[in-house]
Amino acid sequence: MQNALVRADAALIQSNEFDFSHFQIFTSVPDHRDYGVVALRGMVVIYDERPLHQEGIIAGAFYVRESQRPRSGMMWESWLRHENEDQRRRCGPAGPLAIQREVVQAIRWAYGDDWAIRLSSGFVDGPYSDWAFGTDFIGKVAGIYLPKSSSGEC
């Protein structure tokens, strides 16, 4: 029964634009500050922050990219001006930020030596200059989280 579910999970993983079939399967989330989780089309992907600092960015590898924006819908300049004018607060922003994380694949741009990213939708975003590429990456994908309960056990 477990092998059939693992094959079904592998089919789900391969049915997305990205092929994660070669990734490690985690039955629990690592309890370490360098690991985190992000959702990808109904799956939970586990990422590790250390490889970015140890090996840099590798073409073809999968990474988690993070972006932030003011929740209020303000433009960044207006939000920052408002935050600076608020003299009552001495630390931290008064207005919360919305944080978005997504899985992307680092690739080389088809028409030159610059970098690009492939999104989970299949679209390619780029080109990026070397100095600007990967500055919003927070970790490298380490594997897929498939809890033991998905193997049919209760």
N, C-alpha and C. Protein backbone atom coordinates (compact mmCIF):
# COMPACT_ATOMS: atom_id res chain seq x y z
N MET A 1 0.82 -1.20 0.00
CA MET A 1 0.00 0.00 0.00
C MET A 1 0.87 1.26 0.00
N GLN A 2 1.93 1.24 0.81
CA GLN A 2 2.80 2.41 0.91
C GLN A 2 3.47 2.70 -0.44
N ASN A 3 3.95 1.67 -1.16
CA ASN A 3 4.59 1.88 -2.45
C ASN A 3 3.64 2.51 -3.45
N ALA A 4 2.37 2.10 -3.43
CA ALA A 4 1.38 2.68 -4.34
C ALA A 4 1.18 4.15 -4.04
N LEU A 5 1.16 4.51 -2.74
CA LEU A 5 1.00 5.92 -2.38
C LEU A 5 2.23 6.71 -2.73
N VAL A 6 3.40 6.15 -2.55
CA VAL A 6 4.62 6.85 -2.93
C VAL A 6 4.64 7.08 -4.43
N ARG A 7 4.20 6.09 -5.23
CA ARG A 7 4.12 6.28 -6.69
C ARG A 7 3.11 7.36 -7.04
N ALA A 8 1.97 7.39 -6.32
CA ALA A 8 0.96 8.42 -6.56
C ALA A 8 1.52 9.80 -6.20
N ASP A 9 2.25 9.87 -5.07
CA ASP A 9 2.87 11.13 -4.69
C ASP A 9 3.90 11.56 -5.72
N ALA A 10 4.68 10.62 -6.24
CA ALA A 10 5.67 10.94 -7.27
C ALA A 10 4.99 11.45 -8.53
N ALA A 11 3.85 10.87 -8.87
CA ALA A 11 3.11 11.35 -10.05
C ALA A 11 2.63 12.78 -9.83
N LEU A 12 2.16 13.10 -8.62
CA LEU A 12 1.75 14.46 -8.30
C LEU A 12 2.93 15.41 -8.42
N ILE A 13 4.06 14.99 -7.89
CA ILE A 13 5.25 15.82 -7.94
C ILE A 13 5.67 16.07 -9.39
N GLN A 14 5.62 15.05 -10.25
CA GLN A 14 6.02 15.21 -11.64
C GLN A 14 4.96 15.91 -12.48
N SER A 15 3.70 15.93 -12.03
CA SER A 15 2.65 16.54 -12.82
C SER A 15 2.75 18.07 -12.82
N ASN A 16 3.43 18.63 -11.85
CA ASN A 16 3.66 20.07 -11.84
C ASN A 16 4.68 20.43 -12.90
N GLU A 17 4.84 21.71 -13.14
CA GLU A 17 5.83 22.16 -14.13
C GLU A 17 7.25 21.74 -13.73
N PHE A 18 7.49 21.62 -12.43
CA PHE A 18 8.80 21.23 -11.94
C PHE A 18 8.83 19.73 -11.68
N ASP A 19 9.96 19.11 -11.89
CA ASP A 19 10.13 17.69 -11.60
C ASP A 19 10.94 17.55 -10.31
N PHE A 20 10.25 17.20 -9.23
CA PHE A 20 10.89 17.03 -7.93
C PHE A 20 11.09 15.55 -7.60
N SER A 21 10.95 14.67 -8.57
CA SER A 21 10.98 13.23 -8.30
C SER A 21 12.32 12.76 -7.73
N HIS A 22 13.39 13.51 -7.97
CA HIS A 22 14.71 13.10 -7.47
C HIS A 22 15.02 13.68 -6.09
N PHE A 23 14.11 14.47 -5.54
CA PHE A 23 14.37 15.08 -4.24
C PHE A 23 14.15 14.11 -3.10
N GLN A 24 14.81 14.39 -1.99
CA GLN A 24 14.64 13.62 -0.78
C GLN A 24 13.21 13.78 -0.27
N ILE A 25 12.65 12.70 0.27
CA ILE A 25 11.33 12.73 0.88
C ILE A 25 11.52 12.84 2.39
N PHE A 26 10.94 13.88 2.99
CA PHE A 26 11.00 14.08 4.43
C PHE A 26 9.67 13.63 5.04
N THR A 27 9.72 12.82 6.09
CA THR A 27 8.50 12.43 6.80
C THR A 27 8.23 13.35 7.97
N SER A 28 9.18 14.20 8.28
CA SER A 28 8.99 15.24 9.29
C SER A 28 9.84 16.44 8.87
N VAL A 29 9.45 17.59 9.34
CA VAL A 29 10.19 18.81 9.01
C VAL A 29 11.41 18.88 9.92
N PRO A 30 12.61 19.07 9.36
CA PRO A 30 13.81 19.15 10.20
C PRO A 30 13.69 20.27 11.23
N ASP A 31 14.03 19.95 12.46
CA ASP A 31 13.97 20.92 13.55
C ASP A 31 15.32 21.63 13.64
N HIS A 32 15.55 22.54 12.71
CA HIS A 32 16.81 23.27 12.65
C HIS A 32 16.52 24.65 12.08
N ARG A 33 17.18 25.66 12.57
CA ARG A 33 16.89 27.03 12.16
C ARG A 33 17.20 27.32 10.69
N ASP A 34 18.02 26.50 10.04
CA ASP A 34 18.37 26.72 8.64
C ASP A 34 17.34 26.15 7.68
N TYR A 35 16.37 25.38 8.18
CA TYR A 35 15.35 24.77 7.33
C TYR A 35 14.04 25.53 7.46
N GLY A 36 13.28 25.54 6.37
CA GLY A 36 11.96 26.15 6.37
C GLY A 36 11.07 25.41 5.40
N VAL A 37 9.80 25.82 5.35
CA VAL A 37 8.83 25.19 4.46
C VAL A 37 8.13 26.25 3.62
N VAL A 38 7.70 25.84 2.44
CA VAL A 38 6.93 26.71 1.56
C VAL A 38 5.96 25.83 0.77
N ALA A 39 4.79 26.36 0.50
CA ALA A 39 3.78 25.61 -0.26
C ALA A 39 4.03 25.75 -1.75
N LEU A 40 3.77 24.66 -2.47
CA LEU A 40 3.88 24.66 -3.93
C LEU A 40 2.79 23.76 -4.49
N ARG A 41 1.72 24.36 -4.98
CA ARG A 41 0.63 23.62 -5.61
C ARG A 41 0.16 22.43 -4.80
N GLY A 42 -0.16 22.65 -3.55
CA GLY A 42 -0.69 21.59 -2.70
C GLY A 42 0.36 20.72 -2.04
N MET A 43 1.61 20.93 -2.32
CA MET A 43 2.69 20.18 -1.67
C MET A 43 3.40 21.09 -0.68
N VAL A 44 4.18 20.50 0.18
CA VAL A 44 5.02 21.25 1.10
C VAL A 44 6.46 20.94 0.74
N VAL A 45 7.19 21.99 0.40
CA VAL A 45 8.59 21.87 0.00
C VAL A 45 9.45 22.32 1.16
N ILE A 46 10.50 21.58 1.45
CA ILE A 46 11.44 21.93 2.51
C ILE A 46 12.68 22.53 1.87
N TYR A 47 13.11 23.68 2.40
CA TYR A 47 14.31 24.32 1.88
C TYR A 47 15.35 24.49 2.99
N ASP A 48 16.58 24.63 2.55
CA ASP A 48 17.72 24.77 3.45
C ASP A 48 18.44 26.07 3.08
N GLU A 49 18.72 26.91 4.06
CA GLU A 49 19.37 28.19 3.81
C GLU A 49 20.88 28.07 3.60
N ARG A 50 21.50 27.03 4.13
CA ARG A 50 22.97 26.92 4.11
C ARG A 50 23.58 26.83 2.71
N PRO A 51 23.01 26.06 1.76
CA PRO A 51 23.67 25.94 0.46
C PRO A 51 23.88 27.26 -0.28
N LEU A 52 23.02 28.23 -0.07
CA LEU A 52 23.23 29.54 -0.72
C LEU A 52 24.56 30.15 -0.30
N HIS A 53 24.93 29.96 0.95
CA HIS A 53 26.17 30.53 1.48
C HIS A 53 27.37 29.63 1.20
N GLN A 54 27.13 28.34 1.04
CA GLN A 54 28.23 27.39 0.87
C GLN A 54 28.60 27.15 -0.60
N GLU A 55 27.60 27.05 -1.47
CA GLU A 55 27.88 26.71 -2.86
C GLU A 55 27.45 27.77 -3.86
N GLY A 56 26.74 28.79 -3.42
CA GLY A 56 26.24 29.81 -4.33
C GLY A 56 25.04 29.28 -5.11
N ILE A 57 24.72 29.93 -6.20
CA ILE A 57 23.56 29.54 -7.01
C ILE A 57 24.04 28.65 -8.16
N ILE A 58 23.32 27.55 -8.35
CA ILE A 58 23.68 26.57 -9.38
C ILE A 58 22.57 26.53 -10.42
N ALA A 59 22.95 26.60 -11.69
CA ALA A 59 21.96 26.53 -12.78
C ALA A 59 21.23 25.20 -12.72
N GLY A 60 19.91 25.26 -12.84
CA GLY A 60 19.09 24.06 -12.80
C GLY A 60 18.56 23.71 -11.42
N ALA A 61 19.12 24.31 -10.38
CA ALA A 61 18.68 24.02 -9.01
C ALA A 61 17.42 24.82 -8.68
N PHE A 62 16.69 24.34 -7.68
CA PHE A 62 15.46 24.99 -7.24
C PHE A 62 15.71 25.78 -5.96
N TYR A 63 15.12 26.97 -5.91
CA TYR A 63 15.31 27.86 -4.77
C TYR A 63 13.97 28.44 -4.32
N VAL A 64 13.95 28.93 -3.09
CA VAL A 64 12.78 29.64 -2.58
C VAL A 64 13.11 31.13 -2.66
N ARG A 65 12.21 31.84 -3.32
CA ARG A 65 12.36 33.28 -3.50
C ARG A 65 11.31 33.98 -2.62
N GLU A 66 11.75 35.02 -1.92
CA GLU A 66 10.85 35.75 -1.03
C GLU A 66 10.69 37.19 -1.50
N SER A 67 9.45 37.68 -1.44
CA SER A 67 9.20 39.09 -1.72
C SER A 67 8.31 39.64 -0.61
N GLN A 68 8.43 40.94 -0.39
CA GLN A 68 7.64 41.61 0.63
C GLN A 68 7.02 42.85 0.03
N ARG A 69 5.86 43.22 0.58
CA ARG A 69 5.18 44.45 0.15
C ARG A 69 4.33 44.95 1.31
N PRO A 70 4.03 46.24 1.32
CA PRO A 70 3.15 46.75 2.37
C PRO A 70 1.75 46.13 2.24
N ARG A 71 1.19 45.66 3.35
CA ARG A 71 -0.16 45.09 3.33
C ARG A 71 -1.22 46.12 3.00
N SER A 72 -0.94 47.36 3.29
CA SER A 72 -1.93 48.41 3.14
C SER A 72 -2.23 48.74 1.68
N GLY A 73 -1.45 48.25 0.76
CA GLY A 73 -1.62 48.58 -0.65
C GLY A 73 -0.90 49.86 -1.02
N MET A 74 -0.18 50.46 -0.07
CA MET A 74 0.58 51.68 -0.36
C MET A 74 1.78 51.35 -1.25
N MET A 75 2.25 52.33 -1.95
CA MET A 75 3.51 52.20 -2.67
C MET A 75 4.62 52.21 -1.61
N TRP A 76 5.76 51.56 -1.94
CA TRP A 76 6.85 51.48 -0.98
C TRP A 76 7.27 52.85 -0.47
N GLU A 77 7.39 53.84 -1.37
CA GLU A 77 7.86 55.17 -0.97
C GLU A 77 6.91 55.80 0.05
N SER A 78 5.60 55.68 -0.18
CA SER A 78 4.60 56.23 0.75
C SER A 78 4.66 55.51 2.09
N TRP A 79 4.79 54.20 2.04
CA TRP A 79 4.85 53.41 3.26
C TRP A 79 6.07 53.79 4.09
N LEU A 80 7.23 53.90 3.44
CA LEU A 80 8.46 54.26 4.16
C LEU A 80 8.38 55.67 4.74
N ARG A 81 7.82 56.60 3.97
CA ARG A 81 7.66 57.98 4.46
C ARG A 81 6.74 57.99 5.70
N HIS A 82 5.64 57.26 5.63
CA HIS A 82 4.72 57.17 6.76
C HIS A 82 5.41 56.55 7.98
N GLU A 83 6.19 55.51 7.77
CA GLU A 83 6.91 54.87 8.87
C GLU A 83 7.92 55.83 9.51
N ASN A 84 8.61 56.61 8.69
CA ASN A 84 9.61 57.55 9.21
C ASN A 84 8.96 58.71 9.96
N GLU A 85 7.76 59.12 9.55
CA GLU A 85 7.08 60.23 10.19
C GLU A 85 6.46 59.85 11.53
N ASP A 86 6.25 58.58 11.76
CA ASP A 86 5.63 58.12 12.99
C ASP A 86 6.68 58.13 14.10
N GLN A 87 6.71 59.21 14.88
CA GLN A 87 7.73 59.37 15.92
C GLN A 87 7.42 58.59 17.19
N ARG A 88 6.20 58.09 17.32
CA ARG A 88 5.83 57.38 18.54
C ARG A 88 6.56 56.05 18.65
N ARG A 89 6.84 55.44 17.53
CA ARG A 89 7.48 54.12 17.54
C ARG A 89 8.99 54.27 17.43
N ARG A 90 9.70 53.57 18.27
CA ARG A 90 11.16 53.65 18.27
C ARG A 90 11.80 52.42 17.62
N CYS A 91 11.03 51.35 17.43
CA CYS A 91 11.60 50.16 16.80
C CYS A 91 10.53 49.42 16.01
N GLY A 92 10.92 48.86 14.91
CA GLY A 92 10.02 48.06 14.09
C GLY A 92 8.97 48.88 13.37
N PRO A 93 8.50 48.37 12.26
CA PRO A 93 7.48 49.09 11.49
C PRO A 93 6.10 48.99 12.14
N ALA A 94 5.32 50.07 12.01
CA ALA A 94 3.95 50.06 12.52
C ALA A 94 3.03 49.34 11.54
N GLY A 95 3.30 49.48 10.25
CA GLY A 95 2.48 48.83 9.23
C GLY A 95 3.06 47.49 8.86
N PRO A 96 2.25 46.43 8.92
CA PRO A 96 2.78 45.10 8.62
C PRO A 96 3.11 44.92 7.13
N LEU A 97 3.99 43.99 6.86
CA LEU A 97 4.36 43.64 5.50
C LEU A 97 3.77 42.29 5.13
N ALA A 98 3.34 42.15 3.89
CA ALA A 98 2.90 40.85 3.38
C ALA A 98 4.13 40.16 2.79
N ILE A 99 4.33 38.92 3.15
CA ILE A 99 5.49 38.16 2.70
C ILE A 99 5.01 37.03 1.81
N GLN A 100 5.61 36.91 0.64
CA GLN A 100 5.26 35.84 -0.30
C GLN A 100 6.52 35.02 -0.59
N ARG A 101 6.36 33.71 -0.56
CA ARG A 101 7.47 32.81 -0.90
C ARG A 101 7.03 31.89 -2.02
N GLU A 102 7.92 31.66 -2.97
CA GLU A 102 7.61 30.78 -4.09
C GLU A 102 8.85 30.00 -4.49
N VAL A 103 8.62 28.84 -5.10
CA VAL A 103 9.72 28.01 -5.58
C VAL A 103 10.00 28.38 -7.03
N VAL A 104 11.28 28.60 -7.33
CA VAL A 104 11.71 28.93 -8.68
C VAL A 104 12.93 28.07 -9.04
N GLN A 105 13.19 27.99 -10.33
CA GLN A 105 14.37 27.26 -10.80
C GLN A 105 15.34 28.24 -11.43
N ALA A 106 16.59 28.21 -11.00
CA ALA A 106 17.62 29.07 -11.57
C ALA A 106 18.07 28.48 -12.90
N ILE A 107 18.00 29.28 -13.95
CA ILE A 107 18.44 28.83 -15.27
C ILE A 107 19.25 29.93 -15.94
N ARG A 108 19.94 29.56 -16.98
CA ARG A 108 20.64 30.56 -17.79
C ARG A 108 19.70 31.07 -18.85
N TRP A 109 19.75 32.36 -19.11
CA TRP A 109 18.91 33.00 -20.13
C TRP A 109 19.27 32.41 -21.49
N ALA A 110 18.25 32.12 -22.28
CA ALA A 110 18.44 31.44 -23.56
C ALA A 110 19.24 32.27 -24.56
N TYR A 111 19.23 33.59 -24.41
CA TYR A 111 19.88 34.47 -25.40
C TYR A 111 21.03 35.24 -24.78
N GLY A 112 21.97 34.56 -24.22
CA GLY A 112 23.12 35.23 -23.62
C GLY A 112 23.58 34.47 -22.39
N ASP A 113 24.45 35.12 -21.63
CA ASP A 113 25.04 34.47 -20.47
C ASP A 113 24.41 34.94 -19.16
N ASP A 114 23.33 35.71 -19.24
CA ASP A 114 22.69 36.19 -18.03
C ASP A 114 21.85 35.08 -17.39
N TRP A 115 21.40 35.34 -16.16
CA TRP A 115 20.54 34.42 -15.43
C TRP A 115 19.08 34.71 -15.70
N ALA A 116 18.24 33.71 -15.43
CA ALA A 116 16.79 33.84 -15.47
C ALA A 116 16.22 32.86 -14.44
N ILE A 117 14.92 32.98 -14.19
CA ILE A 117 14.26 32.02 -13.31
C ILE A 117 13.04 31.46 -14.02
N ARG A 118 12.82 30.18 -13.80
CA ARG A 118 11.61 29.54 -14.31
C ARG A 118 10.65 29.44 -13.14
N LEU A 119 9.45 29.98 -13.33
CA LEU A 119 8.42 29.97 -12.31
C LEU A 119 7.66 28.65 -12.36
N SER A 120 6.90 28.35 -11.31
CA SER A 120 6.14 27.10 -11.29
C SER A 120 5.08 27.06 -12.39
N SER A 121 4.69 28.21 -12.90
CA SER A 121 3.73 28.28 -14.00
C SER A 121 4.36 27.86 -15.32
N GLY A 122 5.68 27.79 -15.36
CA GLY A 122 6.39 27.47 -16.59
C GLY A 122 6.96 28.69 -17.29
N PHE A 123 6.49 29.88 -16.91
CA PHE A 123 7.01 31.11 -17.51
C PHE A 123 8.43 31.36 -17.04
N VAL A 124 9.19 32.05 -17.89
CA VAL A 124 10.57 32.40 -17.56
C VAL A 124 10.64 33.90 -17.32
N ASP A 125 11.26 34.29 -16.21
CA ASP A 125 11.44 35.70 -15.86
C ASP A 125 12.93 36.02 -15.97
N GLY A 126 13.25 37.01 -16.75
CA GLY A 126 14.64 37.38 -16.93
C GLY A 126 14.80 38.19 -18.20
N PRO A 127 15.97 38.52 -18.56
CA PRO A 127 17.25 38.17 -17.92
C PRO A 127 17.56 39.05 -16.72
N TYR A 128 18.41 38.52 -15.84
CA TYR A 128 18.91 39.25 -14.69
C TYR A 128 20.42 39.41 -14.86
N SER A 129 20.93 40.55 -14.47
CA SER A 129 22.38 40.72 -14.41
C SER A 129 22.91 39.92 -13.24
N ASP A 130 24.17 39.50 -13.32
CA ASP A 130 24.77 38.71 -12.25
C ASP A 130 24.64 39.38 -10.89
N TRP A 131 24.84 40.68 -10.82
CA TRP A 131 24.82 41.39 -9.53
C TRP A 131 23.43 41.40 -8.90
N ALA A 132 22.38 41.30 -9.71
CA ALA A 132 21.01 41.38 -9.19
C ALA A 132 20.37 40.01 -9.00
N PHE A 133 20.94 38.99 -9.56
CA PHE A 133 20.29 37.68 -9.55
C PHE A 133 20.45 36.99 -8.20
N GLY A 134 19.35 36.47 -7.68
CA GLY A 134 19.38 35.67 -6.47
C GLY A 134 19.40 36.45 -5.18
N THR A 135 19.32 37.79 -5.25
CA THR A 135 19.34 38.57 -4.01
C THR A 135 18.08 38.35 -3.18
N ASP A 136 17.02 37.83 -3.81
CA ASP A 136 15.78 37.56 -3.09
C ASP A 136 15.60 36.07 -2.78
N PHE A 137 16.62 35.26 -3.04
CA PHE A 137 16.57 33.84 -2.70
C PHE A 137 16.87 33.68 -1.21
N ILE A 138 16.10 32.81 -0.54
CA ILE A 138 16.34 32.61 0.90
C ILE A 138 16.81 31.19 1.21
N GLY A 139 16.72 30.28 0.25
CA GLY A 139 17.17 28.91 0.49
C GLY A 139 17.05 28.05 -0.74
N LYS A 140 17.74 26.92 -0.70
CA LYS A 140 17.72 25.93 -1.78
C LYS A 140 16.76 24.80 -1.39
N VAL A 141 15.95 24.35 -2.33
CA VAL A 141 15.01 23.27 -2.05
C VAL A 141 15.79 22.00 -1.73
N ALA A 142 15.44 21.40 -0.58
CA ALA A 142 16.11 20.18 -0.13
C ALA A 142 15.27 18.94 -0.35
N GLY A 143 13.94 19.11 -0.38
CA GLY A 143 13.09 17.94 -0.56
C GLY A 143 11.62 18.26 -0.40
N ILE A 144 10.83 17.20 -0.39
CA ILE A 144 9.38 17.28 -0.28
C ILE A 144 8.95 16.68 1.04
N TYR A 145 8.02 17.33 1.71
CA TYR A 145 7.47 16.82 2.97
C TYR A 145 6.27 15.95 2.67
N LEU A 146 6.38 14.66 3.00
CA LEU A 146 5.27 13.71 2.90
C LEU A 146 5.16 13.03 4.25
N PRO A 147 4.21 13.48 5.08
CA PRO A 147 4.11 12.92 6.43
C PRO A 147 3.78 11.44 6.40
N LYS A 148 4.11 10.78 7.47
CA LYS A 148 3.88 9.34 7.57
C LYS A 148 2.40 9.01 7.42
N SER A 149 1.52 9.92 7.81
CA SER A 149 0.08 9.65 7.71
C SER A 149 -0.37 9.51 6.26
N SER A 150 0.41 10.03 5.28
CA SER A 150 0.04 9.88 3.87
C SER A 150 0.31 8.48 3.35
N SER A 151 0.99 7.68 4.15
CA SER A 151 1.27 6.31 3.72
C SER A 151 0.15 5.35 4.12
N GLY A 152 -0.98 5.91 4.57
CA GLY A 152 -2.12 5.07 4.92
C GLY A 152 -2.18 4.74 6.41
N GLU A 153 -1.18 5.15 7.18
CA GLU A 153 -1.17 4.87 8.61
C GLU A 153 -1.98 5.94 9.33
N CYS A 154 -2.60 5.57 10.42
CA CYS A 154 -3.38 6.55 11.22
C CYS A 154 -2.67 6.85 12.50
